[in-house]
Amino acid sequence: MGELRIKRAYEKPAPDDGCRVLVDRLWPRGVSKERAQLEEWMKDIAPSPALRTWWNHDPARLDDFAARYTAELDANDAVADIRALIGAHPVVTLVYAARDPRINHAAVLRDYLVRTA
């Protein structure tokens, strides 16, 4: 497995980002396709709408959210797709729109992918 990073969609893309993959179900507001510089948009790897609504990025619910999202990922066919992408590139950057760089689903997804590799 290559290097797996996360980065906000609102940060400027960098040459060392490698393959940039949007992992949000919704497109980030105010970010053009040109500015995003994505190779993929994997909506299906994002948390379900019901889980995202329940969590509402509440830091107090992060542990419960991570457990529920992990359960969703265990049953999600898109995990195989993202693993194939990771295997094909030395660096993959998971792009997300959330404000907090530590409390977001992309961090949970990255940790899941590394832990279950």
N, C-alpha and C. Protein backbone atom coordinates (compact mmCIF):
# COMPACT_ATOMS: atom_id res chain seq x y z
N MET A 1 0.85 -1.18 0.00
CA MET A 1 0.00 0.00 0.00
C MET A 1 0.88 1.23 0.00
N GLY A 2 0.53 2.19 -0.86
CA GLY A 2 1.27 3.45 -0.92
C GLY A 2 0.90 4.37 0.23
N GLU A 3 1.32 5.59 0.12
CA GLU A 3 1.02 6.58 1.14
C GLU A 3 -0.41 7.07 0.98
N LEU A 4 -1.11 7.20 2.09
CA LEU A 4 -2.51 7.62 2.09
C LEU A 4 -2.63 8.88 2.94
N ARG A 5 -3.09 9.97 2.33
CA ARG A 5 -3.20 11.27 3.01
C ARG A 5 -4.64 11.75 2.96
N ILE A 6 -4.93 12.77 3.78
CA ILE A 6 -6.21 13.46 3.68
C ILE A 6 -5.94 14.95 3.54
N LYS A 7 -6.87 15.65 2.88
CA LYS A 7 -6.70 17.09 2.65
C LYS A 7 -8.06 17.71 2.38
N ARG A 8 -8.25 18.91 2.89
CA ARG A 8 -9.50 19.64 2.65
C ARG A 8 -9.60 20.06 1.19
N ALA A 9 -10.80 20.03 0.68
CA ALA A 9 -11.07 20.43 -0.70
C ALA A 9 -10.75 21.91 -0.92
N TYR A 10 -10.74 22.68 0.16
CA TYR A 10 -10.51 24.12 0.06
C TYR A 10 -9.02 24.49 0.12
N GLU A 11 -8.18 23.51 0.38
CA GLU A 11 -6.73 23.73 0.34
C GLU A 11 -6.26 23.59 -1.10
N LYS A 12 -5.22 24.33 -1.43
CA LYS A 12 -4.69 24.30 -2.78
C LYS A 12 -4.07 22.93 -3.08
N PRO A 13 -4.44 22.33 -4.21
CA PRO A 13 -3.80 21.06 -4.59
C PRO A 13 -2.29 21.24 -4.76
N ALA A 14 -1.55 20.20 -4.41
CA ALA A 14 -0.09 20.24 -4.53
C ALA A 14 0.37 19.08 -5.42
N PRO A 15 1.47 19.25 -6.10
CA PRO A 15 1.98 18.18 -6.96
C PRO A 15 2.22 16.86 -6.21
N ASP A 16 2.58 16.95 -4.93
CA ASP A 16 2.86 15.72 -4.17
C ASP A 16 1.60 15.08 -3.58
N ASP A 17 0.40 15.60 -3.94
CA ASP A 17 -0.85 14.98 -3.49
C ASP A 17 -1.08 13.63 -4.16
N GLY A 18 -0.43 13.41 -5.27
CA GLY A 18 -0.65 12.17 -6.00
C GLY A 18 -2.06 12.12 -6.58
N CYS A 19 -2.69 10.98 -6.47
CA CYS A 19 -4.05 10.78 -6.97
C CYS A 19 -5.04 11.37 -5.96
N ARG A 20 -5.76 12.41 -6.38
CA ARG A 20 -6.71 13.09 -5.49
C ARG A 20 -8.11 12.51 -5.69
N VAL A 21 -8.72 12.07 -4.58
CA VAL A 21 -10.03 11.42 -4.63
C VAL A 21 -10.98 12.11 -3.67
N LEU A 22 -12.05 12.67 -4.19
CA LEU A 22 -13.08 13.26 -3.33
C LEU A 22 -13.88 12.13 -2.71
N VAL A 23 -13.98 12.13 -1.37
CA VAL A 23 -14.68 11.06 -0.66
C VAL A 23 -15.92 11.58 0.06
N ASP A 24 -16.46 12.68 -0.42
CA ASP A 24 -17.72 13.24 0.10
C ASP A 24 -18.86 12.87 -0.83
N ARG A 25 -20.03 12.71 -0.25
CA ARG A 25 -21.22 12.42 -1.05
C ARG A 25 -21.69 13.67 -1.81
N LEU A 26 -21.44 14.84 -1.22
CA LEU A 26 -21.85 16.11 -1.82
C LEU A 26 -20.61 16.87 -2.32
N TRP A 27 -20.76 17.57 -3.43
CA TRP A 27 -19.65 18.37 -3.96
C TRP A 27 -19.41 19.55 -3.03
N PRO A 28 -18.14 19.89 -2.73
CA PRO A 28 -17.83 21.01 -1.85
C PRO A 28 -18.27 22.35 -2.45
N ARG A 29 -18.96 23.13 -1.67
CA ARG A 29 -19.46 24.43 -2.15
C ARG A 29 -18.32 25.35 -2.55
N GLY A 30 -18.53 26.00 -3.69
CA GLY A 30 -17.58 27.01 -4.14
C GLY A 30 -16.29 26.48 -4.73
N VAL A 31 -16.18 25.18 -4.91
CA VAL A 31 -14.95 24.60 -5.47
C VAL A 31 -15.26 24.11 -6.88
N SER A 32 -14.59 24.68 -7.85
CA SER A 32 -14.80 24.26 -9.24
C SER A 32 -14.08 22.94 -9.49
N LYS A 33 -14.48 22.27 -10.55
CA LYS A 33 -13.81 21.01 -10.92
C LYS A 33 -12.34 21.27 -11.25
N GLU A 34 -12.08 22.39 -11.90
CA GLU A 34 -10.70 22.73 -12.26
C GLU A 34 -9.86 22.96 -11.01
N ARG A 35 -10.42 23.68 -10.05
CA ARG A 35 -9.69 23.98 -8.82
C ARG A 35 -9.47 22.73 -7.98
N ALA A 36 -10.41 21.81 -7.98
CA ALA A 36 -10.32 20.60 -7.17
C ALA A 36 -9.23 19.65 -7.66
N GLN A 37 -9.01 19.62 -8.97
CA GLN A 37 -7.99 18.76 -9.58
C GLN A 37 -8.09 17.31 -9.08
N LEU A 38 -9.27 16.73 -9.25
CA LEU A 38 -9.52 15.37 -8.79
C LEU A 38 -9.35 14.36 -9.91
N GLU A 39 -8.93 13.18 -9.54
CA GLU A 39 -8.92 12.07 -10.49
C GLU A 39 -10.18 11.24 -10.35
N GLU A 40 -10.77 11.23 -9.16
CA GLU A 40 -11.98 10.44 -8.90
C GLU A 40 -12.88 11.18 -7.91
N TRP A 41 -14.16 10.87 -7.99
CA TRP A 41 -15.13 11.30 -6.98
C TRP A 41 -15.86 10.04 -6.57
N MET A 42 -15.57 9.55 -5.37
CA MET A 42 -16.15 8.30 -4.89
C MET A 42 -17.23 8.60 -3.85
N LYS A 43 -18.40 8.95 -4.33
CA LYS A 43 -19.53 9.28 -3.45
C LYS A 43 -19.91 8.12 -2.55
N ASP A 44 -19.84 6.91 -3.11
CA ASP A 44 -20.34 5.74 -2.39
C ASP A 44 -19.47 5.31 -1.21
N ILE A 45 -18.27 5.86 -1.09
CA ILE A 45 -17.41 5.53 0.04
C ILE A 45 -17.72 6.43 1.24
N ALA A 46 -18.46 7.49 1.02
CA ALA A 46 -18.82 8.43 2.08
C ALA A 46 -19.85 7.81 3.03
N PRO A 47 -19.98 8.35 4.23
CA PRO A 47 -21.01 7.85 5.16
C PRO A 47 -22.40 8.01 4.54
N SER A 48 -23.30 7.16 4.94
CA SER A 48 -24.68 7.25 4.44
C SER A 48 -25.27 8.60 4.86
N PRO A 49 -26.25 9.09 4.10
CA PRO A 49 -26.89 10.35 4.49
C PRO A 49 -27.46 10.31 5.91
N ALA A 50 -28.04 9.19 6.31
CA ALA A 50 -28.62 9.09 7.65
C ALA A 50 -27.53 9.20 8.72
N LEU A 51 -26.39 8.54 8.50
CA LEU A 51 -25.30 8.60 9.47
C LEU A 51 -24.69 9.99 9.52
N ARG A 52 -24.51 10.60 8.37
CA ARG A 52 -23.94 11.95 8.32
C ARG A 52 -24.85 12.94 9.04
N THR A 53 -26.15 12.83 8.84
CA THR A 53 -27.11 13.72 9.51
C THR A 53 -27.09 13.49 11.02
N TRP A 54 -27.07 12.22 11.43
CA TRP A 54 -27.05 11.90 12.86
C TRP A 54 -25.81 12.49 13.52
N TRP A 55 -24.65 12.32 12.89
CA TRP A 55 -23.40 12.78 13.48
C TRP A 55 -23.32 14.29 13.56
N ASN A 56 -23.61 14.97 12.45
CA ASN A 56 -23.58 16.43 12.38
C ASN A 56 -22.23 17.01 12.84
N HIS A 57 -21.15 16.27 12.63
CA HIS A 57 -19.79 16.68 13.00
C HIS A 57 -19.65 17.07 14.47
N ASP A 58 -20.44 16.43 15.32
CA ASP A 58 -20.39 16.68 16.76
C ASP A 58 -19.19 15.93 17.34
N PRO A 59 -18.17 16.65 17.86
CA PRO A 59 -16.99 15.98 18.40
C PRO A 59 -17.32 14.95 19.49
N ALA A 60 -18.37 15.19 20.25
CA ALA A 60 -18.75 14.27 21.32
C ALA A 60 -19.23 12.93 20.76
N ARG A 61 -19.65 12.91 19.51
CA ARG A 61 -20.15 11.68 18.88
C ARG A 61 -19.12 11.00 17.98
N LEU A 62 -17.90 11.50 17.95
CA LEU A 62 -16.91 10.99 17.01
C LEU A 62 -16.67 9.49 17.18
N ASP A 63 -16.51 9.01 18.40
CA ASP A 63 -16.24 7.58 18.59
C ASP A 63 -17.40 6.72 18.11
N ASP A 64 -18.63 7.13 18.44
CA ASP A 64 -19.81 6.39 17.96
C ASP A 64 -19.91 6.47 16.44
N PHE A 65 -19.64 7.66 15.90
CA PHE A 65 -19.67 7.82 14.45
C PHE A 65 -18.65 6.89 13.79
N ALA A 66 -17.43 6.88 14.32
CA ALA A 66 -16.38 6.05 13.73
C ALA A 66 -16.78 4.58 13.74
N ALA A 67 -17.38 4.12 14.82
CA ALA A 67 -17.82 2.72 14.91
C ALA A 67 -18.92 2.43 13.89
N ARG A 68 -19.86 3.34 13.76
CA ARG A 68 -20.97 3.15 12.81
C ARG A 68 -20.48 3.24 11.37
N TYR A 69 -19.60 4.18 11.11
CA TYR A 69 -19.06 4.33 9.75
C TYR A 69 -18.21 3.10 9.39
N THR A 70 -17.43 2.61 10.33
CA THR A 70 -16.65 1.41 10.10
C THR A 70 -17.55 0.24 9.74
N ALA A 71 -18.67 0.10 10.43
CA ALA A 71 -19.63 -0.96 10.12
C ALA A 71 -20.17 -0.79 8.70
N GLU A 72 -20.44 0.45 8.30
CA GLU A 72 -20.88 0.70 6.93
C GLU A 72 -19.79 0.31 5.93
N LEU A 73 -18.55 0.68 6.24
CA LEU A 73 -17.44 0.37 5.34
C LEU A 73 -17.23 -1.14 5.20
N ASP A 74 -17.42 -1.87 6.29
CA ASP A 74 -17.27 -3.33 6.24
C ASP A 74 -18.22 -3.97 5.22
N ALA A 75 -19.36 -3.32 4.98
CA ALA A 75 -20.36 -3.87 4.06
C ALA A 75 -20.41 -3.11 2.73
N ASN A 76 -19.44 -2.23 2.48
CA ASN A 76 -19.50 -1.34 1.32
C ASN A 76 -18.60 -1.86 0.19
N ASP A 77 -19.20 -2.11 -0.96
CA ASP A 77 -18.44 -2.59 -2.12
C ASP A 77 -17.44 -1.55 -2.64
N ALA A 78 -17.66 -0.28 -2.33
CA ALA A 78 -16.76 0.78 -2.80
C ALA A 78 -15.38 0.69 -2.14
N VAL A 79 -15.28 -0.02 -1.04
CA VAL A 79 -13.98 -0.19 -0.38
C VAL A 79 -13.01 -0.91 -1.31
N ALA A 80 -13.48 -1.91 -2.02
CA ALA A 80 -12.62 -2.62 -2.98
C ALA A 80 -12.16 -1.69 -4.09
N ASP A 81 -13.04 -0.79 -4.52
CA ASP A 81 -12.67 0.17 -5.57
C ASP A 81 -11.58 1.13 -5.10
N ILE A 82 -11.72 1.62 -3.88
CA ILE A 82 -10.71 2.57 -3.39
C ILE A 82 -9.40 1.84 -3.09
N ARG A 83 -9.47 0.60 -2.66
CA ARG A 83 -8.24 -0.18 -2.44
C ARG A 83 -7.50 -0.39 -3.76
N ALA A 84 -8.24 -0.64 -4.84
CA ALA A 84 -7.62 -0.81 -6.16
C ALA A 84 -6.93 0.48 -6.58
N LEU A 85 -7.56 1.61 -6.32
CA LEU A 85 -6.98 2.91 -6.65
C LEU A 85 -5.71 3.15 -5.83
N ILE A 86 -5.77 2.81 -4.57
CA ILE A 86 -4.60 2.98 -3.69
C ILE A 86 -3.45 2.09 -4.16
N GLY A 87 -3.78 0.89 -4.60
CA GLY A 87 -2.76 -0.02 -5.08
C GLY A 87 -2.11 0.42 -6.38
N ALA A 88 -2.81 1.25 -7.14
CA ALA A 88 -2.31 1.70 -8.44
C ALA A 88 -1.49 2.98 -8.38
N HIS A 89 -1.44 3.63 -7.22
CA HIS A 89 -0.74 4.92 -7.10
C HIS A 89 0.15 4.93 -5.86
N PRO A 90 1.34 5.53 -5.95
CA PRO A 90 2.21 5.59 -4.78
C PRO A 90 1.68 6.52 -3.68
N VAL A 91 0.92 7.54 -4.07
CA VAL A 91 0.33 8.47 -3.11
C VAL A 91 -1.13 8.71 -3.51
N VAL A 92 -2.02 8.58 -2.54
CA VAL A 92 -3.43 8.89 -2.74
C VAL A 92 -3.84 9.86 -1.64
N THR A 93 -4.50 10.95 -2.04
CA THR A 93 -5.00 11.93 -1.10
C THR A 93 -6.52 11.89 -1.11
N LEU A 94 -7.09 11.59 0.06
CA LEU A 94 -8.53 11.60 0.23
C LEU A 94 -8.96 13.04 0.50
N VAL A 95 -9.77 13.58 -0.37
CA VAL A 95 -10.18 14.98 -0.30
C VAL A 95 -11.57 15.05 0.32
N TYR A 96 -11.74 15.99 1.26
CA TYR A 96 -13.01 16.14 1.98
C TYR A 96 -13.29 17.62 2.18
N ALA A 97 -14.54 17.95 2.54
CA ALA A 97 -14.92 19.35 2.69
C ALA A 97 -15.07 19.81 4.14
N ALA A 98 -15.11 18.92 5.09
CA ALA A 98 -15.34 19.29 6.49
C ALA A 98 -14.30 20.31 6.96
N ARG A 99 -14.68 21.11 7.94
CA ARG A 99 -13.80 22.17 8.43
C ARG A 99 -12.65 21.66 9.28
N ASP A 100 -12.93 20.69 10.15
CA ASP A 100 -11.94 20.23 11.12
C ASP A 100 -11.04 19.15 10.52
N PRO A 101 -9.72 19.36 10.55
CA PRO A 101 -8.81 18.38 9.94
C PRO A 101 -8.68 17.07 10.73
N ARG A 102 -9.17 17.04 11.97
CA ARG A 102 -9.10 15.82 12.77
C ARG A 102 -10.45 15.15 12.94
N ILE A 103 -11.50 15.94 12.96
CA ILE A 103 -12.84 15.40 13.20
C ILE A 103 -13.61 15.43 11.88
N ASN A 104 -13.40 14.38 11.07
CA ASN A 104 -14.07 14.28 9.78
C ASN A 104 -14.07 12.82 9.34
N HIS A 105 -14.93 12.51 8.43
CA HIS A 105 -15.04 11.12 8.00
C HIS A 105 -13.84 10.64 7.19
N ALA A 106 -13.14 11.56 6.52
CA ALA A 106 -11.97 11.16 5.74
C ALA A 106 -10.87 10.61 6.65
N ALA A 107 -10.72 11.17 7.84
CA ALA A 107 -9.73 10.66 8.80
C ALA A 107 -10.12 9.26 9.25
N VAL A 108 -11.42 9.05 9.50
CA VAL A 108 -11.89 7.73 9.89
C VAL A 108 -11.66 6.74 8.74
N LEU A 109 -11.96 7.17 7.51
CA LEU A 109 -11.77 6.32 6.34
C LEU A 109 -10.30 5.96 6.16
N ARG A 110 -9.42 6.95 6.26
CA ARG A 110 -7.97 6.69 6.13
C ARG A 110 -7.52 5.67 7.16
N ASP A 111 -7.91 5.88 8.42
CA ASP A 111 -7.51 4.97 9.49
C ASP A 111 -8.05 3.56 9.24
N TYR A 112 -9.27 3.46 8.77
CA TYR A 112 -9.88 2.17 8.44
C TYR A 112 -9.09 1.47 7.35
N LEU A 113 -8.78 2.19 6.28
CA LEU A 113 -8.05 1.59 5.16
C LEU A 113 -6.66 1.13 5.56
N VAL A 114 -5.99 1.89 6.41
CA VAL A 114 -4.66 1.51 6.88
C VAL A 114 -4.76 0.30 7.81
N ARG A 115 -5.72 0.34 8.73
CA ARG A 115 -5.87 -0.73 9.72
C ARG A 115 -6.28 -2.06 9.08
N THR A 116 -7.07 -2.00 8.01
CA THR A 116 -7.58 -3.24 7.41
C THR A 116 -6.84 -3.63 6.14
N ALA A 117 -5.72 -3.00 5.88
CA ALA A 117 -4.95 -3.30 4.65
C ALA A 117 -4.43 -4.72 4.64
